[in-house]
Amino acid sequence: MAEKKTPMRMCVACREMKSKKELIRIVRTPENEIKADLTGKASGRGAYICRSVQCLEKAKKIRALERALDKKIDEEVFLRLQKEICGE
C-alpha cells in the first residue's frame, strides 16, 4: 500500500516549507473578518504562518499577511492573532 503524502505549505513570513499540521492558517472570511483558523477548513482566502510570535512579527513588519490576504490588517487584529497563536 502506498504511503499517504503529507501536505506541505509555506510560511508567509520565513518562507519555509513545513507540513500543514505544523502551521496555522490565517483566513479572511467572506465577511472580511481576519482570524486564525485552527481547523484549517474555514471558508475564505487563507495564508499559513508558523506557530511562533517571531514569524507573526516578521509577517507584520514585511506586510506578508496583508499581501497574501489582500486586505489591510489593523493592529488589534495582530494582537488577537498573537493571543491565538500563543494559546492564551
N, C-alpha and C. Protein backbone atom coordinates (compact mmCIF):
# COMPACT_ATOMS: atom_id res chain seq x y z
N MET A 1 0.84 -1.19 0.00
CA MET A 1 0.00 0.00 0.00
C MET A 1 0.88 1.24 0.00
N ALA A 2 0.53 2.20 -0.82
CA ALA A 2 1.34 3.41 -0.96
C ALA A 2 1.21 4.31 0.27
N GLU A 3 2.30 5.02 0.59
CA GLU A 3 2.28 5.94 1.71
C GLU A 3 1.46 7.18 1.35
N LYS A 4 0.76 7.69 2.35
CA LYS A 4 -0.04 8.89 2.14
C LYS A 4 0.87 10.12 2.17
N LYS A 5 0.71 11.01 1.21
CA LYS A 5 1.52 12.23 1.17
C LYS A 5 1.07 13.19 2.27
N THR A 6 2.05 13.86 2.88
CA THR A 6 1.70 14.90 3.85
C THR A 6 1.68 16.22 3.11
N PRO A 7 0.58 16.98 3.23
CA PRO A 7 0.50 18.25 2.53
C PRO A 7 1.50 19.25 3.09
N MET A 8 2.21 19.92 2.21
CA MET A 8 3.22 20.91 2.61
C MET A 8 2.71 22.31 2.26
N ARG A 9 2.99 23.25 3.15
CA ARG A 9 2.62 24.65 2.93
C ARG A 9 3.81 25.53 3.29
N MET A 10 3.81 26.77 2.78
CA MET A 10 4.90 27.70 3.04
C MET A 10 4.45 28.80 4.00
N CYS A 11 5.28 29.07 5.00
CA CYS A 11 5.02 30.18 5.92
C CYS A 11 5.24 31.48 5.15
N VAL A 12 4.30 32.43 5.26
CA VAL A 12 4.41 33.68 4.52
C VAL A 12 5.52 34.57 5.07
N ALA A 13 5.96 34.33 6.31
CA ALA A 13 6.98 35.18 6.93
C ALA A 13 8.39 34.64 6.67
N CYS A 14 8.67 33.42 7.12
CA CYS A 14 10.03 32.88 6.99
C CYS A 14 10.25 32.13 5.69
N ARG A 15 9.17 31.88 4.94
CA ARG A 15 9.22 31.24 3.62
C ARG A 15 9.73 29.81 3.67
N GLU A 16 9.59 29.13 4.82
CA GLU A 16 9.99 27.73 4.94
C GLU A 16 8.82 26.82 4.62
N MET A 17 9.11 25.73 3.92
CA MET A 17 8.10 24.73 3.64
C MET A 17 8.01 23.80 4.85
N LYS A 18 6.80 23.65 5.37
CA LYS A 18 6.58 22.76 6.51
C LYS A 18 5.29 22.00 6.26
N SER A 19 5.09 20.95 7.05
CA SER A 19 3.84 20.21 6.89
C SER A 19 2.68 21.08 7.36
N LYS A 20 1.55 20.86 6.77
CA LYS A 20 0.36 21.68 7.05
C LYS A 20 0.00 21.67 8.53
N LYS A 21 0.25 20.57 9.22
CA LYS A 21 -0.09 20.46 10.64
C LYS A 21 0.80 21.33 11.52
N GLU A 22 2.00 21.68 11.06
CA GLU A 22 2.92 22.49 11.83
C GLU A 22 2.59 23.98 11.76
N LEU A 23 1.77 24.37 10.81
CA LEU A 23 1.47 25.78 10.58
C LEU A 23 0.06 26.13 11.02
N ILE A 24 -0.19 27.41 11.18
CA ILE A 24 -1.53 27.91 11.48
C ILE A 24 -2.05 28.64 10.26
N ARG A 25 -3.28 28.39 9.91
CA ARG A 25 -3.90 29.06 8.76
C ARG A 25 -4.59 30.33 9.26
N ILE A 26 -4.25 31.45 8.64
CA ILE A 26 -4.92 32.72 8.90
C ILE A 26 -5.86 32.92 7.72
N VAL A 27 -7.12 33.18 8.01
CA VAL A 27 -8.13 33.23 6.95
C VAL A 27 -8.86 34.57 6.94
N ARG A 28 -9.15 35.05 5.73
CA ARG A 28 -10.05 36.19 5.55
C ARG A 28 -11.38 35.61 5.10
N THR A 29 -12.36 35.69 5.99
CA THR A 29 -13.66 35.09 5.71
C THR A 29 -14.40 35.88 4.64
N PRO A 30 -15.46 35.30 4.07
CA PRO A 30 -16.26 36.05 3.09
C PRO A 30 -16.86 37.34 3.67
N GLU A 31 -16.95 37.43 5.01
CA GLU A 31 -17.46 38.65 5.66
C GLU A 31 -16.33 39.65 5.91
N ASN A 32 -15.12 39.41 5.36
CA ASN A 32 -13.93 40.25 5.50
C ASN A 32 -13.40 40.32 6.93
N GLU A 33 -13.61 39.26 7.71
CA GLU A 33 -13.05 39.17 9.06
C GLU A 33 -11.78 38.33 8.97
N ILE A 34 -10.74 38.75 9.67
CA ILE A 34 -9.48 38.01 9.67
C ILE A 34 -9.33 37.31 11.01
N LYS A 35 -9.10 35.98 10.94
CA LYS A 35 -8.97 35.21 12.18
C LYS A 35 -8.09 33.99 11.94
N ALA A 36 -7.64 33.40 13.04
CA ALA A 36 -6.86 32.17 12.94
C ALA A 36 -7.84 31.01 12.75
N ASP A 37 -7.54 30.17 11.79
CA ASP A 37 -8.37 29.00 11.50
C ASP A 37 -7.65 27.77 12.03
N LEU A 38 -7.97 27.37 13.24
CA LEU A 38 -7.27 26.26 13.87
C LEU A 38 -7.66 24.91 13.27
N THR A 39 -8.83 24.83 12.62
CA THR A 39 -9.24 23.58 11.98
C THR A 39 -8.63 23.43 10.59
N GLY A 40 -8.30 24.56 9.94
CA GLY A 40 -7.75 24.51 8.59
C GLY A 40 -8.79 24.30 7.52
N LYS A 41 -10.08 24.43 7.88
CA LYS A 41 -11.14 24.14 6.93
C LYS A 41 -12.14 25.28 6.75
N ALA A 42 -11.90 26.42 7.37
CA ALA A 42 -12.83 27.54 7.26
C ALA A 42 -12.82 28.07 5.82
N SER A 43 -13.98 28.55 5.37
CA SER A 43 -14.05 29.07 4.01
C SER A 43 -13.46 30.47 3.97
N GLY A 44 -12.83 30.78 2.88
CA GLY A 44 -12.23 32.09 2.70
C GLY A 44 -10.81 31.98 2.19
N ARG A 45 -10.18 33.13 1.98
CA ARG A 45 -8.81 33.18 1.49
C ARG A 45 -7.86 32.95 2.66
N GLY A 46 -6.92 32.06 2.50
CA GLY A 46 -6.06 31.70 3.62
C GLY A 46 -4.58 31.89 3.33
N ALA A 47 -3.82 32.05 4.42
CA ALA A 47 -2.36 32.13 4.37
C ALA A 47 -1.85 31.35 5.58
N TYR A 48 -0.69 30.76 5.44
CA TYR A 48 -0.13 29.94 6.52
C TYR A 48 1.04 30.65 7.17
N ILE A 49 1.16 30.45 8.50
CA ILE A 49 2.24 31.06 9.26
C ILE A 49 2.67 30.08 10.34
N CYS A 50 3.95 30.13 10.70
CA CYS A 50 4.49 29.27 11.75
C CYS A 50 3.82 29.59 13.08
N ARG A 51 3.88 28.63 13.99
CA ARG A 51 3.31 28.81 15.33
C ARG A 51 4.29 29.53 16.23
N SER A 52 4.82 30.66 15.79
CA SER A 52 5.77 31.42 16.61
C SER A 52 5.46 32.90 16.51
N VAL A 53 5.72 33.59 17.59
CA VAL A 53 5.50 35.03 17.63
C VAL A 53 6.49 35.74 16.70
N GLN A 54 7.69 35.17 16.55
CA GLN A 54 8.70 35.78 15.69
C GLN A 54 8.21 35.85 14.25
N CYS A 55 7.61 34.78 13.76
CA CYS A 55 7.10 34.79 12.39
C CYS A 55 5.93 35.75 12.25
N LEU A 56 5.08 35.85 13.26
CA LEU A 56 3.97 36.80 13.20
C LEU A 56 4.50 38.23 13.16
N GLU A 57 5.52 38.53 13.95
CA GLU A 57 6.11 39.87 13.95
C GLU A 57 6.76 40.18 12.60
N LYS A 58 7.44 39.19 12.03
CA LYS A 58 8.07 39.39 10.72
C LYS A 58 7.01 39.61 9.65
N ALA A 59 5.93 38.82 9.72
CA ALA A 59 4.85 38.98 8.74
C ALA A 59 4.22 40.36 8.85
N LYS A 60 4.12 40.88 10.07
CA LYS A 60 3.58 42.22 10.28
C LYS A 60 4.52 43.27 9.70
N LYS A 61 5.83 43.09 9.95
CA LYS A 61 6.83 44.06 9.51
C LYS A 61 6.91 44.15 7.98
N ILE A 62 6.91 42.98 7.32
CA ILE A 62 7.04 42.98 5.86
C ILE A 62 5.69 42.96 5.15
N ARG A 63 4.60 43.04 5.93
CA ARG A 63 3.23 43.09 5.41
C ARG A 63 2.89 41.85 4.56
N ALA A 64 3.43 40.71 4.93
CA ALA A 64 3.22 39.48 4.16
C ALA A 64 1.77 39.01 4.26
N LEU A 65 1.18 39.09 5.46
CA LEU A 65 -0.22 38.66 5.61
C LEU A 65 -1.16 39.59 4.84
N GLU A 66 -0.87 40.87 4.85
CA GLU A 66 -1.71 41.82 4.11
C GLU A 66 -1.70 41.50 2.62
N ARG A 67 -0.53 41.18 2.08
CA ARG A 67 -0.44 40.83 0.66
C ARG A 67 -1.13 39.50 0.37
N ALA A 68 -0.92 38.53 1.24
CA ALA A 68 -1.49 37.20 1.00
C ALA A 68 -3.02 37.22 1.10
N LEU A 69 -3.54 38.00 2.04
CA LEU A 69 -4.99 38.04 2.24
C LEU A 69 -5.66 39.17 1.47
N ASP A 70 -4.86 40.02 0.84
CA ASP A 70 -5.36 41.11 0.00
C ASP A 70 -6.28 42.04 0.80
N LYS A 71 -5.84 42.39 2.03
CA LYS A 71 -6.64 43.26 2.89
C LYS A 71 -5.73 43.92 3.91
N LYS A 72 -5.99 45.19 4.22
CA LYS A 72 -5.25 45.90 5.28
C LYS A 72 -5.61 45.30 6.63
N ILE A 73 -4.60 45.05 7.46
CA ILE A 73 -4.82 44.41 8.75
C ILE A 73 -4.50 45.42 9.86
N ASP A 74 -5.45 45.61 10.76
CA ASP A 74 -5.29 46.56 11.86
C ASP A 74 -4.43 45.97 12.97
N GLU A 75 -3.93 46.85 13.86
CA GLU A 75 -3.08 46.44 14.97
C GLU A 75 -3.79 45.49 15.93
N GLU A 76 -5.08 45.75 16.21
CA GLU A 76 -5.80 44.89 17.15
C GLU A 76 -5.98 43.47 16.61
N VAL A 77 -6.03 43.33 15.28
CA VAL A 77 -6.12 42.00 14.68
C VAL A 77 -4.82 41.25 14.93
N PHE A 78 -3.67 41.93 14.79
CA PHE A 78 -2.39 41.28 15.07
C PHE A 78 -2.29 40.88 16.53
N LEU A 79 -2.80 41.71 17.44
CA LEU A 79 -2.77 41.36 18.86
C LEU A 79 -3.63 40.14 19.14
N ARG A 80 -4.81 40.07 18.51
CA ARG A 80 -5.69 38.91 18.68
C ARG A 80 -5.05 37.65 18.11
N LEU A 81 -4.40 37.78 16.94
CA LEU A 81 -3.73 36.62 16.35
C LEU A 81 -2.58 36.16 17.24
N GLN A 82 -1.88 37.10 17.85
CA GLN A 82 -0.77 36.74 18.74
C GLN A 82 -1.28 35.95 19.93
N LYS A 83 -2.43 36.34 20.49
CA LYS A 83 -3.01 35.61 21.61
C LYS A 83 -3.46 34.21 21.17
N GLU A 84 -4.02 34.11 19.97
CA GLU A 84 -4.47 32.81 19.48
C GLU A 84 -3.30 31.88 19.19
N ILE A 85 -2.21 32.43 18.68
CA ILE A 85 -1.02 31.61 18.37
C ILE A 85 -0.35 31.13 19.66
N CYS A 86 -0.27 32.01 20.64
CA CYS A 86 0.36 31.64 21.92
C CYS A 86 -0.52 30.74 22.75
N GLY A 87 -1.81 30.66 22.41
CA GLY A 87 -2.73 29.81 23.14
C GLY A 87 -3.22 30.41 24.44
N GLU A 88 -3.27 31.72 24.50
CA GLU A 88 -3.73 32.40 25.72
C GLU A 88 -5.23 32.47 25.78
